[in-house]
Amino acid sequence: MDASSLYLIPVTLGDSPLQKVLPEYNVQIVSSLKFFIVENVREARRFLKRCNRNIDIDALTFFELNEHTDRKVIRPFLDPLRRGNNMGLISDAGCPAVADPGADIVAIAQDEGFKVVPLVGPSSLLMALMASGFNGQRFAFNGYLPVEAGERAKKLKQMESRAYQEDQTQIFIETPYRNQKLVEDISLHCRPQTRLCIAMNISLDDEFIVTKSVKAWKNHLPEMHKKCCVFLLFHD
């Protein structure tokens, strides 16, 4: 393992077995590190114990970086890296720095010339795209859509237009307790023939990834409340 490297450590998407989604090499890396930048300390400690029950959690140092962290104070988080120590970056689920505040610390590491090492692991966005049947060569991730009804409708129509005009898959997510409302809005504002893929609880025992037309989804939606979903739109 090279000195002064920032390792981007994927986390399981929920409580799926580690061996199902993470290679043994990741566990070896995790077990060797003493400094971590994490989205949530409690969740990170839990994940590390799942990786290696013999890890001395109290001997580790954690820096918390999430949407509430002032970006003006994060540069010192990399001080262990500057002193020659390796560090790990962990988000709450999936791959760090993708739709994740960890991207800001990666940018600093790149600016300062440190080696950034992405480890193999589950990405709900890519796994949903793989299973959707949509264009995997031309796609866009739109993150969270606007909450305000008028702006959300406008965004949905813009994405649908790009799907048709540019042959581009549109990927987006929602806060779990608003999943149902989002799909209702899609049904209201998108064309009946437009295809929608709902990818839910990816890699878990109740994984659900199904593609149908917007019209076909109407009145036949799965139970999505408080479940992690990825949504994909594409033309007919």
C-alpha atoms as a PDB file:
ATOM      1  CA  MET A   1       0.000   0.000   0.000  1.00  0.00           C
ATOM      2  CA  ASP A   2       1.471   3.345  -1.047  1.00  0.00           C
ATOM      3  CA  ALA A   3       2.157   6.035   1.555  1.00  0.00           C
ATOM      4  CA  SER A   4      -0.001   9.135   1.782  1.00  0.00           C
ATOM      5  CA  SER A   5      -2.928   7.793  -0.195  1.00  0.00           C
ATOM      6  CA  LEU A   6      -6.571   8.707   0.253  1.00  0.00           C
ATOM      7  CA  TYR A   7      -8.629   5.533  -0.134  1.00  0.00           C
ATOM      8  CA  LEU A   8     -12.236   5.917  -1.272  1.00  0.00           C
ATOM      9  CA  ILE A   9     -13.989   3.065   0.510  1.00  0.00           C
ATOM     10  CA  PRO A  10     -17.423   1.900  -0.731  1.00  0.00           C
ATOM     11  CA  VAL A  11     -19.988   0.851   1.858  1.00  0.00           C
ATOM     12  CA  THR A  12     -22.714  -1.758   1.524  1.00  0.00           C
ATOM     13  CA  LEU A  13     -26.134  -0.489   0.389  1.00  0.00           C
ATOM     14  CA  GLY A  14     -27.877  -1.440   3.619  1.00  0.00           C
ATOM     15  CA  ASP A  15     -27.178  -4.654   5.531  1.00  0.00           C
ATOM     16  CA  SER A  16     -26.296  -6.869   2.584  1.00  0.00           C
ATOM     17  CA  PRO A  17     -23.506  -9.362   3.395  1.00  0.00           C
ATOM     18  CA  LEU A  18     -20.038  -7.864   2.941  1.00  0.00           C
ATOM     19  CA  GLN A  19     -18.812 -10.801   0.882  1.00  0.00           C
ATOM     20  CA  LYS A  20     -21.648 -10.228  -1.590  1.00  0.00           C
ATOM     21  CA  VAL A  21     -20.549  -6.738  -2.645  1.00  0.00           C
ATOM     22  CA  LEU A  22     -17.050  -5.969  -1.316  1.00  0.00           C
ATOM     23  CA  PRO A  23     -13.756  -7.713  -2.168  1.00  0.00           C
ATOM     24  CA  GLU A  24     -11.469  -8.978   0.585  1.00  0.00           C
ATOM     25  CA  TYR A  25      -8.869  -6.411  -0.486  1.00  0.00           C
ATOM     26  CA  ASN A  26     -11.147  -3.637   0.793  1.00  0.00           C
ATOM     27  CA  VAL A  27     -11.272  -5.257   4.219  1.00  0.00           C
ATOM     28  CA  GLN A  28      -7.472  -5.437   4.267  1.00  0.00           C
ATOM     29  CA  ILE A  29      -7.206  -1.737   3.446  1.00  0.00           C
ATOM     30  CA  VAL A  30      -9.823  -0.759   6.035  1.00  0.00           C
ATOM     31  CA  SER A  31      -8.058  -2.808   8.713  1.00  0.00           C
ATOM     32  CA  SER A  32      -4.754  -1.016   8.065  1.00  0.00           C
ATOM     33  CA  LEU A  33      -6.036   2.561   8.351  1.00  0.00           C
ATOM     34  CA  LYS A  34      -6.129   4.737  11.466  1.00  0.00           C
ATOM     35  CA  PHE A  35      -7.625   7.939  10.050  1.00  0.00           C
ATOM     36  CA  PHE A  36     -11.031   8.275   8.392  1.00  0.00           C
ATOM     37  CA  ILE A  37     -13.133  11.063   6.921  1.00  0.00           C
ATOM     38  CA  VAL A  38     -16.748   9.961   7.257  1.00  0.00           C
ATOM     39  CA  GLU A  39     -20.263  11.192   6.596  1.00  0.00           C
ATOM     40  CA  ASN A  40     -21.513   9.916   9.953  1.00  0.00           C
ATOM     41  CA  VAL A  41     -19.200   8.683  12.725  1.00  0.00           C
ATOM     42  CA  ARG A  42     -21.703   6.249  14.216  1.00  0.00           C
ATOM     43  CA  GLU A  43     -22.480   4.620  10.858  1.00  0.00           C
ATOM     44  CA  ALA A  44     -18.782   4.495   9.963  1.00  0.00           C
ATOM     45  CA  ARG A  45     -17.871   2.770  13.234  1.00  0.00           C
ATOM     46  CA  ARG A  46     -20.626   0.221  12.607  1.00  0.00           C
ATOM     47  CA  PHE A  47     -19.364  -0.474   9.075  1.00  0.00           C
ATOM     48  CA  LEU A  48     -15.754  -0.848  10.224  1.00  0.00           C
ATOM     49  CA  LYS A  49     -16.776  -3.375  12.880  1.00  0.00           C
ATOM     50  CA  ARG A  50     -18.643  -5.335  10.205  1.00  0.00           C
ATOM     51  CA  CYS A  51     -15.459  -5.395   8.132  1.00  0.00           C
ATOM     52  CA  ASN A  52     -13.263  -6.531  10.998  1.00  0.00           C
ATOM     53  CA  ARG A  53     -14.666  -7.278  14.448  1.00  0.00           C
ATOM     54  CA  ASN A  54     -11.140  -7.059  15.883  1.00  0.00           C
ATOM     55  CA  ILE A  55     -10.620  -3.419  14.861  1.00  0.00           C
ATOM     56  CA  ASP A  56      -9.868  -1.206  17.864  1.00  0.00           C
ATOM     57  CA  ILE A  57     -12.418   1.497  17.130  1.00  0.00           C
ATOM     58  CA  ASP A  58     -11.245   3.676  20.001  1.00  0.00           C
ATOM     59  CA  ALA A  59      -7.755   3.863  18.467  1.00  0.00           C
ATOM     60  CA  LEU A  60      -9.111   5.419  15.273  1.00  0.00           C
ATOM     61  CA  THR A  61      -9.521   9.109  14.429  1.00  0.00           C
ATOM     62  CA  PHE A  62     -12.635  10.319  12.630  1.00  0.00           C
ATOM     63  CA  PHE A  63     -13.342  13.596  10.839  1.00  0.00           C
ATOM     64  CA  GLU A  64     -17.023  14.128  10.051  1.00  0.00           C
ATOM     65  CA  LEU A  65     -17.918  15.578   6.646  1.00  0.00           C
ATOM     66  CA  ASN A  66     -21.574  15.866   5.647  1.00  0.00           C
ATOM     67  CA  GLU A  67     -24.014  18.409   4.230  1.00  0.00           C
ATOM     68  CA  HIS A  68     -23.897  20.384   7.497  1.00  0.00           C
ATOM     69  CA  THR A  69     -20.103  20.699   7.601  1.00  0.00           C
ATOM     70  CA  ASP A  70     -18.685  24.153   6.870  1.00  0.00           C
ATOM     71  CA  ARG A  71     -16.507  23.684   3.787  1.00  0.00           C
ATOM     72  CA  LYS A  72     -14.138  26.350   5.139  1.00  0.00           C
ATOM     73  CA  VAL A  73     -12.970  24.022   7.924  1.00  0.00           C
ATOM     74  CA  ILE A  74     -12.363  20.763   6.045  1.00  0.00           C
ATOM     75  CA  ARG A  75      -8.844  21.366   4.690  1.00  0.00           C
ATOM     76  CA  PRO A  76      -7.199  20.369   8.027  1.00  0.00           C
ATOM     77  CA  PHE A  77      -8.994  17.006   7.812  1.00  0.00           C
ATOM     78  CA  LEU A  78      -6.170  15.921   5.490  1.00  0.00           C
ATOM     79  CA  ASP A  79      -3.395  16.762   7.993  1.00  0.00           C
ATOM     80  CA  PRO A  80      -2.749  13.035   8.717  1.00  0.00           C
ATOM     81  CA  LEU A  81      -2.228  12.571   4.968  1.00  0.00           C
ATOM     82  CA  ARG A  82       0.228  15.465   4.962  1.00  0.00           C
ATOM     83  CA  ARG A  83       2.164  13.784   7.783  1.00  0.00           C
ATOM     84  CA  GLY A  84       2.580  10.635   5.694  1.00  0.00           C
ATOM     85  CA  ASN A  85      -0.401   8.601   6.912  1.00  0.00           C
ATOM     86  CA  ASN A  86      -2.917   6.873   4.688  1.00  0.00           C
ATOM     87  CA  MET A  87      -6.552   7.866   5.120  1.00  0.00           C
ATOM     88  CA  GLY A  88      -9.964   6.462   4.213  1.00  0.00           C
ATOM     89  CA  LEU A  89     -13.066   8.274   2.987  1.00  0.00           C
ATOM     90  CA  ILE A  90     -16.413   6.641   3.831  1.00  0.00           C
ATOM     91  CA  SER A  91     -19.969   7.762   3.037  1.00  0.00           C
ATOM     92  CA  ASP A  92     -23.123   6.358   4.617  1.00  0.00           C
ATOM     93  CA  ALA A  93     -23.808   3.976   1.709  1.00  0.00           C
ATOM     94  CA  GLY A  94     -22.381   3.124  -1.690  1.00  0.00           C
ATOM     95  CA  CYS A  95     -19.427   4.889  -3.260  1.00  0.00           C
ATOM     96  CA  PRO A  96     -17.985   7.988  -1.575  1.00  0.00           C
ATOM     97  CA  ALA A  97     -17.740  11.268  -3.513  1.00  0.00           C
ATOM     98  CA  VAL A  98     -20.587  10.301  -5.881  1.00  0.00           C
ATOM     99  CA  ALA A  99     -23.675  12.358  -4.986  1.00  0.00           C
ATOM    100  CA  ASP A 100     -21.831  12.792  -1.722  1.00  0.00           C
ATOM    101  CA  PRO A 101     -20.127  15.663   0.178  1.00  0.00           C
ATOM    102  CA  GLY A 102     -16.883  13.680   0.173  1.00  0.00           C
ATOM    103  CA  ALA A 103     -16.173  15.046  -3.313  1.00  0.00           C
ATOM    104  CA  ASP A 104     -14.971  18.283  -1.683  1.00  0.00           C
ATOM    105  CA  ILE A 105     -12.197  16.553   0.258  1.00  0.00           C
ATOM    106  CA  VAL A 106     -11.181  14.528  -2.808  1.00  0.00           C
ATOM    107  CA  ALA A 107     -10.798  17.789  -4.734  1.00  0.00           C
ATOM    108  CA  ILE A 108      -8.417  19.116  -2.063  1.00  0.00           C
ATOM    109  CA  ALA A 109      -6.386  15.892  -2.120  1.00  0.00           C
ATOM    110  CA  GLN A 110      -6.092  16.124  -5.901  1.00  0.00           C
ATOM    111  CA  ASP A 111      -5.088  19.796  -5.738  1.00  0.00           C
ATOM    112  CA  GLU A 112      -2.289  18.949  -3.287  1.00  0.00           C
ATOM    113  CA  GLY A 113      -0.990  16.071  -5.374  1.00  0.00           C
ATOM    114  CA  PHE A 114      -1.902  13.154  -3.115  1.00  0.00           C
ATOM    115  CA  LYS A 115      -2.713   9.781  -4.577  1.00  0.00           C
ATOM    116  CA  VAL A 116      -6.468   9.112  -4.598  1.00  0.00           C
ATOM    117  CA  VAL A 117      -7.397   5.421  -4.771  1.00  0.00           C
ATOM    118  CA  PRO A 118     -11.021   4.423  -5.522  1.00  0.00           C
ATOM    119  CA  LEU A 119     -11.787   0.924  -4.260  1.00  0.00           C
ATOM    120  CA  VAL A 120     -14.223  -1.446  -5.941  1.00  0.00           C
ATOM    121  CA  GLY A 121     -17.731  -1.547  -4.481  1.00  0.00           C
ATOM    122  CA  PRO A 122     -21.455  -1.074  -5.065  1.00  0.00           C
ATOM    123  CA  SER A 123     -22.818   2.026  -6.789  1.00  0.00           C
ATOM    124  CA  SER A 124     -26.614   2.120  -6.770  1.00  0.00           C
ATOM    125  CA  LEU A 125     -26.606   4.546  -9.705  1.00  0.00           C
ATOM    126  CA  LEU A 126     -24.542   2.347 -12.018  1.00  0.00           C
ATOM    127  CA  MET A 127     -26.203  -0.867 -10.883  1.00  0.00           C
ATOM    128  CA  ALA A 128     -29.619   0.641 -11.592  1.00  0.00           C
ATOM    129  CA  LEU A 129     -28.459   1.786 -15.024  1.00  0.00           C
ATOM    130  CA  MET A 130     -27.066  -1.674 -15.792  1.00  0.00           C
ATOM    131  CA  ALA A 131     -30.394  -3.329 -14.995  1.00  0.00           C
ATOM    132  CA  SER A 132     -32.730  -0.736 -16.531  1.00  0.00           C
ATOM    133  CA  GLY A 133     -32.353  -1.668 -20.184  1.00  0.00           C
ATOM    134  CA  PHE A 134     -31.715   1.998 -21.007  1.00  0.00           C
ATOM    135  CA  ASN A 135     -28.819   3.664 -22.836  1.00  0.00           C
ATOM    136  CA  GLY A 136     -25.644   2.949 -20.879  1.00  0.00           C
ATOM    137  CA  GLN A 137     -23.401   4.981 -23.185  1.00  0.00           C
ATOM    138  CA  ARG A 138     -25.175   8.308 -22.839  1.00  0.00           C
ATOM    139  CA  PHE A 139     -26.681   9.157 -19.460  1.00  0.00           C
ATOM    140  CA  ALA A 140     -26.947  11.984 -16.932  1.00  0.00           C
ATOM    141  CA  PHE A 141     -27.293  11.944 -13.148  1.00  0.00           C
ATOM    142  CA  ASN A 142     -29.559  14.756 -11.979  1.00  0.00           C
ATOM    143  CA  GLY A 143     -29.375  14.205  -8.216  1.00  0.00           C
ATOM    144  CA  TYR A 144     -32.408  15.323  -6.219  1.00  0.00           C
ATOM    145  CA  LEU A 145     -35.191  17.103  -8.084  1.00  0.00           C
ATOM    146  CA  PRO A 146     -36.650  20.415  -6.856  1.00  0.00           C
ATOM    147  CA  VAL A 147     -39.159  20.138  -4.012  1.00  0.00           C
ATOM    148  CA  GLU A 148     -41.381  22.988  -5.205  1.00  0.00           C
ATOM    149  CA  ALA A 149     -44.143  21.588  -7.426  1.00  0.00           C
ATOM    150  CA  GLY A 150     -43.755  23.979 -10.352  1.00  0.00           C
ATOM    151  CA  GLU A 151     -39.979  23.640 -10.493  1.00  0.00           C
ATOM    152  CA  ARG A 152     -40.205  19.867 -10.181  1.00  0.00           C
ATOM    153  CA  ALA A 153     -42.650  19.640 -13.084  1.00  0.00           C
ATOM    154  CA  LYS A 154     -40.357  21.820 -15.181  1.00  0.00           C
ATOM    155  CA  LYS A 155     -37.342  19.626 -14.361  1.00  0.00           C
ATOM    156  CA  LEU A 156     -39.205  16.420 -15.182  1.00  0.00           C
ATOM    157  CA  LYS A 157     -40.213  17.780 -18.569  1.00  0.00           C
ATOM    158  CA  GLN A 158     -36.646  18.937 -19.248  1.00  0.00           C
ATOM    159  CA  MET A 159     -35.257  15.493 -18.445  1.00  0.00           C
ATOM    160  CA  GLU A 160     -37.866  13.755 -20.553  1.00  0.00           C
ATOM    161  CA  SER A 161     -37.075  16.073 -23.455  1.00  0.00           C
ATOM    162  CA  ARG A 162     -33.360  15.248 -23.201  1.00  0.00           C
ATOM    163  CA  ALA A 163     -34.155  11.526 -23.126  1.00  0.00           C
ATOM    164  CA  TYR A 164     -36.008  11.828 -26.434  1.00  0.00           C
ATOM    165  CA  GLN A 165     -33.867  14.429 -28.191  1.00  0.00           C
ATOM    166  CA  GLU A 166     -30.418  13.228 -27.077  1.00  0.00           C
ATOM    167  CA  ASP A 167     -31.071   9.497 -26.555  1.00  0.00           C
ATOM    168  CA  GLN A 168     -29.825  10.089 -23.007  1.00  0.00           C
ATOM    169  CA  THR A 169     -30.882   8.118 -19.935  1.00  0.00           C
ATOM    170  CA  GLN A 170     -31.935  10.410 -17.071  1.00  0.00           C
ATOM    171  CA  ILE A 171     -31.057   9.203 -13.566  1.00  0.00           C
ATOM    172  CA  PHE A 172     -32.286  10.832 -10.356  1.00  0.00           C
ATOM    173  CA  ILE A 173     -33.021  10.121  -6.694  1.00  0.00           C
ATOM    174  CA  GLU A 174     -35.387  11.268  -3.973  1.00  0.00           C
ATOM    175  CA  THR A 175     -35.578  11.400  -0.197  1.00  0.00           C
ATOM    176  CA  PRO A 176     -37.039   7.976   0.737  1.00  0.00           C
ATOM    177  CA  TYR A 177     -40.213   9.318   2.328  1.00  0.00           C
ATOM    178  CA  ARG A 178     -41.078  11.261  -0.857  1.00  0.00           C
ATOM    179  CA  ASN A 179     -40.654   8.388  -3.353  1.00  0.00           C
ATOM    180  CA  GLN A 180     -44.380   7.839  -3.863  1.00  0.00           C
ATOM    181  CA  LYS A 181     -45.062  11.523  -4.501  1.00  0.00           C
ATOM    182  CA  LEU A 182     -42.242  11.685  -7.037  1.00  0.00           C
ATOM    183  CA  VAL A 183     -43.646   8.846  -9.118  1.00  0.00           C
ATOM    184  CA  GLU A 184     -47.103  10.417  -8.947  1.00  0.00           C
ATOM    185  CA  ASP A 185     -45.560  13.616 -10.352  1.00  0.00           C
ATOM    186  CA  ILE A 186     -43.873  11.636 -13.124  1.00  0.00           C
ATOM    187  CA  SER A 187     -47.227  10.100 -14.039  1.00  0.00           C
ATOM    188  CA  LEU A 188     -48.772  13.567 -14.090  1.00  0.00           C
ATOM    189  CA  HIS A 189     -46.141  15.401 -16.124  1.00  0.00           C
ATOM    190  CA  CYS A 190     -44.461  12.820 -18.388  1.00  0.00           C
ATOM    191  CA  ARG A 191     -45.760  11.134 -21.525  1.00  0.00           C
ATOM    192  CA  PRO A 192     -47.621   7.836 -20.991  1.00  0.00           C
ATOM    193  CA  GLN A 193     -45.226   5.965 -23.300  1.00  0.00           C
ATOM    194  CA  THR A 194     -42.047   7.263 -21.644  1.00  0.00           C
ATOM    195  CA  ARG A 195     -40.265   4.446 -19.843  1.00  0.00           C
ATOM    196  CA  LEU A 196     -39.542   4.602 -16.116  1.00  0.00           C
ATOM    197  CA  CYS A 197     -37.271   2.231 -14.209  1.00  0.00           C
ATOM    198  CA  ILE A 198     -37.700   1.993 -10.436  1.00  0.00           C
ATOM    199  CA  ALA A 199     -34.636   0.452  -8.776  1.00  0.00           C
ATOM    200  CA  MET A 200     -35.174  -0.139  -5.075  1.00  0.00           C
ATOM    201  CA  ASN A 201     -33.045  -1.623  -2.278  1.00  0.00           C
ATOM    202  CA  ILE A 202     -30.311  -2.656  -4.686  1.00  0.00           C
ATOM    203  CA  SER A 203     -28.196  -5.629  -3.508  1.00  0.00           C
ATOM    204  CA  LEU A 204     -30.549  -6.334  -0.580  1.00  0.00           C
ATOM    205  CA  ASP A 205     -32.756  -9.417  -0.194  1.00  0.00           C
ATOM    206  CA  ASP A 206     -35.848  -7.506  -1.360  1.00  0.00           C
ATOM    207  CA  GLU A 207     -34.122  -5.889  -4.351  1.00  0.00           C
ATOM    208  CA  PHE A 208     -36.627  -4.595  -6.918  1.00  0.00           C
ATOM    209  CA  ILE A 209     -35.575  -3.306 -10.365  1.00  0.00           C
ATOM    210  CA  VAL A 210     -38.402  -3.069 -12.917  1.00  0.00           C
ATOM    211  CA  THR A 211     -38.875  -1.016 -16.091  1.00  0.00           C
ATOM    212  CA  LYS A 212     -42.321  -0.139 -17.445  1.00  0.00           C
ATOM    213  CA  SER A 213     -43.986   2.689 -19.317  1.00  0.00           C
ATOM    214  CA  VAL A 214     -45.234   5.582 -17.207  1.00  0.00           C
ATOM    215  CA  LYS A 215     -48.782   4.531 -18.089  1.00  0.00           C
ATOM    216  CA  ALA A 216     -48.174   0.932 -16.989  1.00  0.00           C
ATOM    217  CA  TRP A 217     -46.874   2.053 -13.583  1.00  0.00           C
ATOM    218  CA  LYS A 218     -50.063   3.968 -12.822  1.00  0.00           C
ATOM    219  CA  ASN A 219     -51.987   2.241 -10.015  1.00  0.00           C
ATOM    220  CA  HIS A 220     -49.381  -0.556  -9.950  1.00  0.00           C
ATOM    221  CA  LEU A 221     -46.600   0.971  -7.861  1.00  0.00           C
ATOM    222  CA  PRO A 222     -44.516  -1.058  -5.387  1.00  0.00           C
ATOM    223  CA  GLU A 223     -44.324  -0.026  -1.744  1.00  0.00           C
ATOM    224  CA  MET A 224     -41.502   2.534  -1.791  1.00  0.00           C
ATOM    225  CA  HIS A 225     -41.993   4.454   1.451  1.00  0.00           C
ATOM    226  CA  LYS A 226     -38.699   4.983   3.283  1.00  0.00           C
ATOM    227  CA  LYS A 227     -36.848   2.686   0.865  1.00  0.00           C
ATOM    228  CA  CYS A 228     -33.730   3.707  -1.068  1.00  0.00           C
ATOM    229  CA  CYS A 229     -34.679   4.159  -4.711  1.00  0.00           C
ATOM    230  CA  VAL A 230     -33.006   5.202  -7.928  1.00  0.00           C
ATOM    231  CA  PHE A 231     -35.252   6.393 -10.769  1.00  0.00           C
ATOM    232  CA  LEU A 232     -34.408   6.350 -14.482  1.00  0.00           C
ATOM    233  CA  LEU A 233     -36.309   7.885 -17.392  1.00  0.00           C
ATOM    234  CA  PHE A 234     -35.867   7.020 -21.065  1.00  0.00           C
ATOM    235  CA  HIS A 235     -37.791   7.385 -24.288  1.00  0.00           C
ATOM    236  CA  ASP A 236     -40.144   4.742 -25.657  1.00  0.00           C
END
